[in-house]
Amino acid sequence: MSESPSFWTVDCAQGEPDLFVCMACLEEVFQGKVPINGCPGCGAVSTFEPFSLDAIRDWGTDNLIAKSVECQQTPHLHRPDSQ
């Protein structure tokens, strides 16, 4: 796939969970946005649910936790204004 993924922006109130995890594969996470054409990992559509980093640490895989931490440490790479 040569084109960049497109995203829907998700407005999250301050203090509300803003990490959106694909509930089909539990391997993809985005901060404040979700892919328009489905999960880039498994292709599932409409499967993203919001979680806080603490919640993801409670149940997530090591890979998902690492991706979630990266989202929060480098928000310019994962925010809706930078696809």
N, C-alpha and C. Protein backbone atom coordinates (compact mmCIF):
# COMPACT_ATOMS: atom_id res chain seq x y z
N MET A 1 0.85 -1.17 0.00
CA MET A 1 0.00 0.00 0.00
C MET A 1 0.89 1.23 0.00
N SER A 2 0.79 2.05 -1.00
CA SER A 2 1.68 3.18 -1.13
C SER A 2 1.11 4.48 -0.55
N GLU A 3 -0.21 4.55 -0.36
CA GLU A 3 -0.76 5.79 0.15
C GLU A 3 -0.80 5.77 1.68
N SER A 4 -0.73 6.96 2.27
CA SER A 4 -0.76 7.08 3.72
C SER A 4 -2.17 6.84 4.22
N PRO A 5 -2.29 6.25 5.41
CA PRO A 5 -3.63 6.04 5.95
C PRO A 5 -4.29 7.37 6.29
N SER A 6 -5.60 7.41 6.16
CA SER A 6 -6.37 8.58 6.54
C SER A 6 -7.04 8.30 7.88
N PHE A 7 -7.28 9.36 8.64
CA PHE A 7 -7.81 9.19 9.98
C PHE A 7 -9.02 10.08 10.23
N TRP A 8 -9.91 9.59 11.10
CA TRP A 8 -10.97 10.40 11.68
C TRP A 8 -10.41 10.96 12.97
N THR A 9 -10.60 12.25 13.20
CA THR A 9 -10.22 12.87 14.45
C THR A 9 -11.28 12.56 15.49
N VAL A 10 -10.85 12.22 16.69
CA VAL A 10 -11.78 11.95 17.79
C VAL A 10 -11.52 12.98 18.88
N ASP A 11 -12.53 13.81 19.14
CA ASP A 11 -12.40 14.81 20.20
C ASP A 11 -12.56 14.14 21.55
N CYS A 12 -11.59 14.34 22.40
CA CYS A 12 -11.61 13.76 23.74
C CYS A 12 -11.51 14.89 24.76
N ALA A 13 -12.41 14.90 25.71
CA ALA A 13 -12.34 15.90 26.77
C ALA A 13 -11.10 15.67 27.60
N GLN A 14 -10.56 16.74 28.16
CA GLN A 14 -9.37 16.61 28.98
C GLN A 14 -9.65 15.65 30.13
N GLY A 15 -8.74 14.72 30.33
CA GLY A 15 -8.89 13.73 31.38
C GLY A 15 -9.60 12.46 30.94
N GLU A 16 -10.22 12.48 29.77
CA GLU A 16 -10.89 11.29 29.23
C GLU A 16 -9.87 10.44 28.47
N PRO A 17 -10.10 9.12 28.38
CA PRO A 17 -9.19 8.26 27.62
C PRO A 17 -9.08 8.72 26.17
N ASP A 18 -7.85 8.77 25.65
CA ASP A 18 -7.65 9.21 24.27
C ASP A 18 -6.79 8.26 23.46
N LEU A 19 -6.53 7.08 23.99
CA LEU A 19 -5.80 6.05 23.25
C LEU A 19 -6.82 5.06 22.71
N PHE A 20 -6.91 4.96 21.39
CA PHE A 20 -7.92 4.12 20.76
C PHE A 20 -7.28 2.81 20.29
N VAL A 21 -7.74 1.72 20.88
CA VAL A 21 -7.18 0.38 20.65
C VAL A 21 -8.12 -0.42 19.77
N CYS A 22 -7.56 -1.13 18.80
CA CYS A 22 -8.35 -2.05 17.98
C CYS A 22 -8.70 -3.26 18.83
N MET A 23 -9.98 -3.47 19.06
CA MET A 23 -10.42 -4.57 19.90
C MET A 23 -10.45 -5.90 19.16
N ALA A 24 -10.24 -5.88 17.86
CA ALA A 24 -10.20 -7.12 17.09
C ALA A 24 -8.85 -7.81 17.21
N CYS A 25 -7.77 -7.03 17.07
CA CYS A 25 -6.44 -7.64 17.10
C CYS A 25 -5.65 -7.28 18.37
N LEU A 26 -6.06 -6.21 19.05
CA LEU A 26 -5.37 -5.74 20.27
C LEU A 26 -3.90 -5.43 20.03
N GLU A 27 -3.59 -4.99 18.81
CA GLU A 27 -2.20 -4.68 18.46
C GLU A 27 -1.98 -3.27 17.93
N GLU A 28 -3.05 -2.54 17.63
CA GLU A 28 -2.91 -1.20 17.07
C GLU A 28 -3.54 -0.19 18.02
N VAL A 29 -2.87 0.96 18.17
CA VAL A 29 -3.36 2.02 19.05
C VAL A 29 -3.02 3.36 18.43
N PHE A 30 -3.94 4.30 18.52
CA PHE A 30 -3.74 5.65 18.01
C PHE A 30 -4.24 6.63 19.06
N GLN A 31 -3.61 7.79 19.12
CA GLN A 31 -4.01 8.80 20.09
C GLN A 31 -4.86 9.87 19.42
N GLY A 32 -6.12 9.98 19.85
CA GLY A 32 -7.01 11.02 19.36
C GLY A 32 -7.46 10.87 17.92
N LYS A 33 -7.31 9.69 17.36
CA LYS A 33 -7.74 9.46 15.98
C LYS A 33 -7.92 7.96 15.76
N VAL A 34 -8.69 7.62 14.72
CA VAL A 34 -8.84 6.23 14.30
C VAL A 34 -8.75 6.17 12.78
N PRO A 35 -8.22 5.09 12.23
CA PRO A 35 -8.08 4.98 10.78
C PRO A 35 -9.45 4.87 10.09
N ILE A 36 -9.63 5.62 9.03
CA ILE A 36 -10.88 5.62 8.28
C ILE A 36 -11.15 4.27 7.62
N ASN A 37 -10.14 3.67 7.06
CA ASN A 37 -10.32 2.43 6.30
C ASN A 37 -10.10 1.17 7.13
N GLY A 38 -10.21 1.27 8.43
CA GLY A 38 -10.08 0.11 9.29
C GLY A 38 -8.68 -0.02 9.87
N CYS A 39 -8.53 -1.01 10.70
CA CYS A 39 -7.27 -1.25 11.39
C CYS A 39 -6.17 -1.62 10.40
N PRO A 40 -5.03 -0.94 10.47
CA PRO A 40 -3.94 -1.28 9.56
C PRO A 40 -3.31 -2.64 9.85
N GLY A 41 -3.54 -3.16 11.04
CA GLY A 41 -2.98 -4.47 11.39
C GLY A 41 -3.83 -5.63 10.94
N CYS A 42 -5.16 -5.53 11.16
CA CYS A 42 -6.02 -6.67 10.86
C CYS A 42 -7.15 -6.35 9.89
N GLY A 43 -7.36 -5.08 9.57
CA GLY A 43 -8.39 -4.68 8.62
C GLY A 43 -9.77 -4.51 9.22
N ALA A 44 -9.95 -4.78 10.50
CA ALA A 44 -11.26 -4.65 11.14
C ALA A 44 -11.73 -3.20 11.08
N VAL A 45 -13.04 -3.02 10.93
CA VAL A 45 -13.64 -1.69 10.82
C VAL A 45 -14.52 -1.46 12.06
N SER A 46 -14.49 -0.23 12.57
CA SER A 46 -15.32 0.17 13.71
C SER A 46 -15.06 -0.66 14.96
N THR A 47 -13.80 -0.97 15.21
CA THR A 47 -13.48 -1.80 16.36
C THR A 47 -12.62 -1.08 17.39
N PHE A 48 -12.40 0.22 17.22
CA PHE A 48 -11.54 0.96 18.14
C PHE A 48 -12.31 1.46 19.35
N GLU A 49 -11.75 1.25 20.53
CA GLU A 49 -12.34 1.70 21.79
C GLU A 49 -11.31 2.52 22.56
N PRO A 50 -11.76 3.55 23.30
CA PRO A 50 -10.83 4.41 24.04
C PRO A 50 -10.42 3.81 25.38
N PHE A 51 -9.14 3.99 25.70
CA PHE A 51 -8.59 3.55 26.98
C PHE A 51 -7.55 4.55 27.44
N SER A 52 -7.31 4.58 28.73
CA SER A 52 -6.19 5.34 29.28
C SER A 52 -4.96 4.45 29.23
N LEU A 53 -3.79 5.06 29.35
CA LEU A 53 -2.55 4.28 29.38
C LEU A 53 -2.54 3.34 30.57
N ASP A 54 -3.02 3.78 31.72
CA ASP A 54 -3.05 2.92 32.90
C ASP A 54 -3.92 1.69 32.67
N ALA A 55 -5.06 1.87 32.02
CA ALA A 55 -5.94 0.73 31.73
C ALA A 55 -5.25 -0.25 30.78
N ILE A 56 -4.58 0.27 29.76
CA ILE A 56 -3.88 -0.59 28.80
C ILE A 56 -2.78 -1.36 29.50
N ARG A 57 -2.10 -0.72 30.44
CA ARG A 57 -1.05 -1.42 31.20
C ARG A 57 -1.62 -2.57 32.01
N ASP A 58 -2.88 -2.48 32.42
CA ASP A 58 -3.51 -3.54 33.22
C ASP A 58 -3.74 -4.82 32.41
N TRP A 59 -4.06 -4.69 31.12
CA TRP A 59 -4.46 -5.87 30.35
C TRP A 59 -3.75 -6.04 29.01
N GLY A 60 -3.04 -5.03 28.55
CA GLY A 60 -2.45 -5.07 27.22
C GLY A 60 -1.23 -5.98 27.10
N THR A 61 -0.95 -6.36 25.87
CA THR A 61 0.27 -7.11 25.60
C THR A 61 1.47 -6.16 25.72
N ASP A 62 2.66 -6.72 25.82
CA ASP A 62 3.86 -5.89 25.90
C ASP A 62 3.97 -4.97 24.68
N ASN A 63 3.64 -5.50 23.51
CA ASN A 63 3.70 -4.72 22.27
C ASN A 63 2.69 -3.57 22.30
N LEU A 64 1.47 -3.83 22.72
CA LEU A 64 0.45 -2.79 22.78
C LEU A 64 0.82 -1.72 23.80
N ILE A 65 1.34 -2.12 24.93
CA ILE A 65 1.77 -1.16 25.96
C ILE A 65 2.88 -0.28 25.41
N ALA A 66 3.85 -0.88 24.72
CA ALA A 66 4.95 -0.11 24.15
C ALA A 66 4.44 0.90 23.13
N LYS A 67 3.50 0.49 22.27
CA LYS A 67 2.94 1.41 21.28
C LYS A 67 2.17 2.53 21.96
N SER A 68 1.46 2.21 23.03
CA SER A 68 0.69 3.22 23.76
C SER A 68 1.60 4.24 24.42
N VAL A 69 2.68 3.78 25.00
CA VAL A 69 3.65 4.69 25.62
C VAL A 69 4.26 5.58 24.56
N GLU A 70 4.60 5.00 23.40
CA GLU A 70 5.15 5.79 22.31
C GLU A 70 4.18 6.87 21.86
N CYS A 71 2.89 6.54 21.78
CA CYS A 71 1.88 7.53 21.39
C CYS A 71 1.92 8.73 22.33
N GLN A 72 2.04 8.47 23.61
CA GLN A 72 2.02 9.57 24.57
C GLN A 72 3.34 10.31 24.64
N GLN A 73 4.44 9.66 24.32
CA GLN A 73 5.75 10.31 24.37
C GLN A 73 6.04 11.11 23.12
N THR A 74 5.44 10.75 22.00
CA THR A 74 5.66 11.45 20.73
C THR A 74 4.32 11.83 20.11
N PRO A 75 3.57 12.70 20.79
CA PRO A 75 2.22 13.01 20.31
C PRO A 75 2.17 13.61 18.92
N HIS A 76 3.23 14.29 18.48
CA HIS A 76 3.22 14.87 17.13
C HIS A 76 3.16 13.79 16.06
N LEU A 77 3.56 12.56 16.37
CA LEU A 77 3.50 11.47 15.40
C LEU A 77 2.15 10.77 15.41
N HIS A 78 1.38 10.97 16.46
CA HIS A 78 0.16 10.18 16.63
C HIS A 78 -1.10 11.02 16.78
N ARG A 79 -0.98 12.33 16.71
CA ARG A 79 -2.14 13.18 16.85
C ARG A 79 -2.81 13.37 15.49
N PRO A 80 -4.09 13.71 15.47
CA PRO A 80 -4.82 13.85 14.22
C PRO A 80 -4.24 14.84 13.22
N ASP A 81 -3.55 15.88 13.70
CA ASP A 81 -3.02 16.87 12.79
C ASP A 81 -1.76 16.40 12.07
N SER A 82 -1.26 15.23 12.43
CA SER A 82 -0.07 14.69 11.74
C SER A 82 -0.33 13.24 11.39
N GLN A 83 -0.72 13.01 10.17
CA GLN A 83 -1.08 11.67 9.75
C GLN A 83 0.16 11.00 9.24
